């Protein structure tokens, strides 16, 4: 059975717990900032909550364990209600990935804090912390890739002048197809994977050095 999974069976519980936190706080962050800027859509649909059931997508979650990538239920956002549409649009999009970066930072604080002040840690606990940190960093970087429907695309879209934005909207329907081609075909080895192979270790190493300096 393990050959059909993206992770070893023994790691599945750690990955599952991490994704519950990562997806839930990512989508809650979108809903919260949208609400603060005047859009009640997510709140009215019960998405302004940290209840994982409201945010997890069954198929997207299962695919994480099988294919190594997946998704949560996107938070509905209606930019018509924003008090400052362009600023609000950028902030609503960027807080999702930033929430994952924040969770990774919390993981470093817990890991180094327990090592520094705790009586000792089990190997399983540190394994979970490492998975928690790495997956959240991956989600942070992954969601900043400028392809629809990812947050990185929405950020760029809101920063563009109206004429360019209207042209981007015309081709947005093909974004998901392009995204899937880049992720599930061998092109992944030349597009997405090089980003992860360079940026993930760079971000992880930088954060590790920073928090290590705080505790030791």
Protein backbone atom coordinates (compact mmCIF):
# COMPACT_ATOMS: atom_id res chain seq x y z
CA UNK A 1 0.00 0.00 0.00
CA UNK A 2 2.84 2.38 0.81
CA UNK A 3 3.91 2.53 -2.85
CA UNK A 4 0.64 4.33 -3.64
CA UNK A 5 1.24 7.05 -1.05
CA UNK A 6 3.35 10.20 -1.22
CA UNK A 7 4.54 9.67 2.38
CA UNK A 8 5.58 6.61 4.41
CA UNK A 9 2.67 5.27 6.45
CA UNK A 10 4.41 6.05 9.74
CA UNK A 11 4.49 9.75 8.80
CA UNK A 12 0.82 9.99 7.80
CA UNK A 13 -0.43 11.06 11.28
CA UNK A 14 2.19 13.83 11.48
CA UNK A 15 1.36 15.05 7.97
CA UNK A 16 -2.38 14.94 8.71
CA UNK A 17 -2.07 17.01 11.89
CA UNK A 18 0.17 19.50 10.11
CA UNK A 19 -2.27 19.92 7.23
CA UNK A 20 -5.20 20.44 9.58
CA UNK A 21 -3.36 23.38 11.13
CA UNK A 22 -1.84 24.66 7.88
CA UNK A 23 -5.00 24.61 5.75
CA UNK A 24 -7.27 25.85 8.53
CA UNK A 25 -5.21 28.88 9.50
CA UNK A 26 -4.40 29.68 5.85
CA UNK A 27 -8.07 29.91 4.91
CA UNK A 28 -9.07 31.59 8.18
CA UNK A 29 -6.47 34.28 7.51
CA UNK A 30 -8.04 35.00 4.11
CA UNK A 31 -11.53 35.17 5.64
CA UNK A 32 -10.46 37.35 8.58
CA UNK A 33 -8.70 40.02 6.50
CA UNK A 34 -11.52 40.08 3.94
CA UNK A 35 -13.98 40.61 6.80
CA UNK A 36 -11.85 43.43 8.25
CA UNK A 37 -11.94 45.20 4.88
CA UNK A 38 -15.72 45.00 4.65
CA UNK A 39 -16.43 41.74 2.82
CA UNK A 40 -18.90 39.65 4.84
CA UNK A 41 -19.09 36.81 2.28
CA UNK A 42 -16.82 34.36 4.11
CA UNK A 43 -18.35 35.20 7.48
CA UNK A 44 -21.89 34.68 6.17
CA UNK A 45 -20.87 31.26 4.84
CA UNK A 46 -19.39 30.19 8.17
CA UNK A 47 -15.77 30.42 7.02
CA UNK A 48 -14.63 32.99 9.59
CA UNK A 49 -13.67 30.18 11.95
CA UNK A 50 -10.76 27.94 12.92
CA UNK A 51 -12.98 24.87 12.71
CA UNK A 52 -11.06 22.60 10.28
CA UNK A 53 -14.25 21.00 8.99
CA UNK A 54 -15.23 24.31 7.41
CA UNK A 55 -11.96 24.61 5.49
CA UNK A 56 -10.74 21.12 4.55
CA UNK A 57 -11.62 19.82 1.09
CA UNK A 58 -11.96 16.00 1.16
CA UNK A 59 -10.51 15.41 -2.33
CA UNK A 60 -7.79 18.04 -1.95
CA UNK A 61 -6.75 16.59 1.39
CA UNK A 62 -6.67 12.98 0.17
CA UNK A 63 -4.57 13.97 -2.85
CA UNK A 64 -1.91 15.34 -0.49
CA UNK A 65 -1.28 11.80 0.74
CA UNK A 66 -1.48 10.20 -2.72
CA UNK A 67 0.01 12.75 -5.12
CA UNK A 68 1.95 14.97 -2.74
CA UNK A 69 -0.12 18.09 -3.51
CA UNK A 70 -3.65 19.18 -2.75
CA UNK A 71 -5.81 22.06 -1.61
CA UNK A 72 -8.28 23.35 0.97
CA UNK A 73 -11.69 24.87 0.23
CA UNK A 74 -11.01 28.35 -1.16
CA UNK A 75 -12.49 31.14 0.92
CA UNK A 76 -15.10 33.10 -1.09
CA UNK A 77 -14.02 36.71 -1.53
CA UNK A 78 -16.10 39.47 -3.13
CA UNK A 79 -13.83 42.41 -3.86
CA UNK A 80 -16.89 44.59 -4.58
CA UNK A 81 -17.35 45.07 -0.83
CA UNK A 82 -13.77 46.10 -0.08
CA UNK A 83 -13.28 49.61 1.26
CA UNK A 84 -9.90 49.81 -0.50
CA UNK A 85 -10.15 47.17 -3.26
CA UNK A 86 -6.55 47.09 -4.49
CA UNK A 87 -4.90 47.17 -1.05
CA UNK A 88 -7.45 44.78 0.41
CA UNK A 89 -7.05 42.36 -2.48
CA UNK A 90 -3.28 42.16 -2.01
CA UNK A 91 -3.51 41.79 1.77
CA UNK A 92 -6.27 39.15 1.62
CA UNK A 93 -4.15 37.10 -0.77
CA UNK A 94 -0.80 37.50 0.98
CA UNK A 95 -1.98 36.66 4.51
CA UNK A 96 -2.69 33.05 3.50
CA UNK A 97 0.94 32.19 2.68
CA UNK A 98 2.14 34.37 5.57
CA UNK A 99 0.01 32.32 7.97
CA UNK A 100 1.96 29.24 6.91
CA UNK A 101 5.24 31.07 7.40
CA UNK A 102 4.07 32.09 10.88
CA UNK A 103 3.21 28.47 11.71
CA UNK A 104 6.68 27.41 10.57
CA UNK A 105 8.17 30.05 12.89
CA UNK A 106 6.04 28.74 15.76
CA UNK A 107 7.37 25.27 14.95
CA UNK A 108 10.96 26.51 15.24
CA UNK A 109 10.17 28.26 18.53
CA UNK A 110 8.62 25.11 19.99
CA UNK A 111 11.39 22.88 18.72
CA UNK A 112 14.30 25.01 19.90
CA UNK A 113 12.42 26.06 23.04
CA UNK A 114 11.87 22.47 24.14
CA UNK A 115 15.47 21.62 23.35
CA UNK A 116 16.74 24.62 25.27
CA UNK A 117 14.49 24.53 28.33
CA UNK A 118 12.88 21.09 28.31
CA UNK A 119 14.10 18.03 30.14
CA UNK A 120 14.34 16.14 26.88
CA UNK A 121 12.43 15.41 23.72
CA UNK A 122 11.43 12.20 22.00
CA UNK A 123 12.55 11.43 18.47
CA UNK A 124 8.90 11.22 17.38
CA UNK A 125 8.15 14.70 18.71
CA UNK A 126 11.09 16.24 16.87
CA UNK A 127 10.13 14.34 13.73
CA UNK A 128 6.67 15.88 13.93
CA UNK A 129 8.12 19.37 14.49
CA UNK A 130 10.39 18.98 11.45
CA UNK A 131 7.46 17.87 9.28
CA UNK A 132 5.32 20.71 10.64
CA UNK A 133 8.01 23.26 9.80
CA UNK A 134 8.90 21.92 6.37
CA UNK A 135 5.33 21.45 5.13
CA UNK A 136 4.35 24.95 6.20
CA UNK A 137 7.38 26.41 4.44
CA UNK A 138 6.49 24.43 1.31
CA UNK A 139 2.91 25.76 1.47
CA UNK A 140 4.20 29.29 2.00
CA UNK A 141 6.36 29.14 -1.11
CA UNK A 142 3.94 27.06 -3.18
CA UNK A 143 1.07 29.50 -2.69
CA UNK A 144 3.24 32.42 -3.80
CA UNK A 145 3.82 30.88 -7.24
CA UNK A 146 2.20 33.35 -9.69
CA UNK A 147 -0.21 30.93 -11.36
CA UNK A 148 -3.98 30.86 -10.92
CA UNK A 149 -5.63 29.83 -8.68
CA UNK A 150 -2.73 30.37 -6.25
CA UNK A 151 -2.37 33.42 -4.00
CA UNK A 152 0.76 34.57 -5.81
CA UNK A 153 -1.27 35.13 -8.95
CA UNK A 154 -3.94 37.09 -7.06
CA UNK A 155 -1.29 39.33 -5.54
CA UNK A 156 0.19 40.17 -8.95
CA UNK A 157 -3.29 40.62 -10.42
CA UNK A 158 -4.21 43.22 -7.81
CA UNK A 159 -0.93 45.07 -8.33
CA UNK A 160 -1.37 45.38 -12.10
CA UNK A 161 -2.94 48.38 -13.86
CA UNK A 162 -6.57 47.85 -14.86
CA UNK A 163 -5.83 47.32 -18.57
CA UNK A 164 -3.28 44.57 -17.88
CA UNK A 165 -5.52 43.06 -15.22
CA UNK A 166 -8.41 42.77 -17.69
CA UNK A 167 -6.14 40.92 -20.12
CA UNK A 168 -4.98 38.58 -17.36
CA UNK A 169 -8.62 37.80 -16.56
CA UNK A 170 -9.23 36.69 -20.15
CA UNK A 171 -6.60 33.94 -19.87
CA UNK A 172 -7.32 33.02 -16.26
CA UNK A 173 -9.55 30.13 -17.32
CA UNK A 174 -6.48 28.34 -18.66
CA UNK A 175 -4.53 28.84 -15.46
CA UNK A 176 -5.70 25.67 -13.73
CA UNK A 177 -4.84 23.57 -16.78
CA UNK A 178 -1.35 25.08 -16.98
CA UNK A 179 -0.94 24.61 -13.25
CA UNK A 180 -1.88 20.91 -13.42
CA UNK A 181 0.42 20.33 -16.40
CA UNK A 182 3.34 21.85 -14.51
CA UNK A 183 2.60 19.86 -11.35
CA UNK A 184 1.66 16.35 -12.53
CA UNK A 185 3.80 15.98 -15.67
CA UNK A 186 7.58 15.63 -16.04
CA UNK A 187 7.68 19.41 -16.59
CA UNK A 188 7.50 19.56 -12.80
CA UNK A 189 11.20 18.62 -12.75
CA UNK A 190 12.06 21.78 -14.69
CA UNK A 191 9.56 24.26 -13.21
CA UNK A 192 8.11 23.69 -9.73
CA UNK A 193 10.73 21.36 -8.28
CA UNK A 194 13.73 23.64 -8.94
CA UNK A 195 11.91 26.38 -7.02
CA UNK A 196 11.38 24.10 -4.06
CA UNK A 197 14.91 22.66 -4.23
CA UNK A 198 16.43 26.14 -3.95
CA UNK A 199 13.94 28.31 -2.05
CA UNK A 200 12.70 25.84 0.59
CA UNK A 201 16.21 25.07 1.97
CA UNK A 202 17.08 28.78 1.79
CA UNK A 203 14.01 29.85 3.80
CA UNK A 204 14.27 26.92 6.20
CA UNK A 205 17.99 27.46 6.77
CA UNK A 206 17.55 31.20 7.33
CA UNK A 207 14.76 30.71 9.85
CA UNK A 208 16.67 27.93 11.59
CA UNK A 209 19.75 30.12 11.99
CA UNK A 210 17.66 33.01 13.29
CA UNK A 211 15.77 31.04 15.92
CA UNK A 212 18.84 29.06 16.91
CA UNK A 213 20.59 32.36 17.66
CA UNK A 214 17.67 33.35 19.91
CA UNK A 215 17.78 30.20 22.01
CA UNK A 216 21.46 29.22 22.09
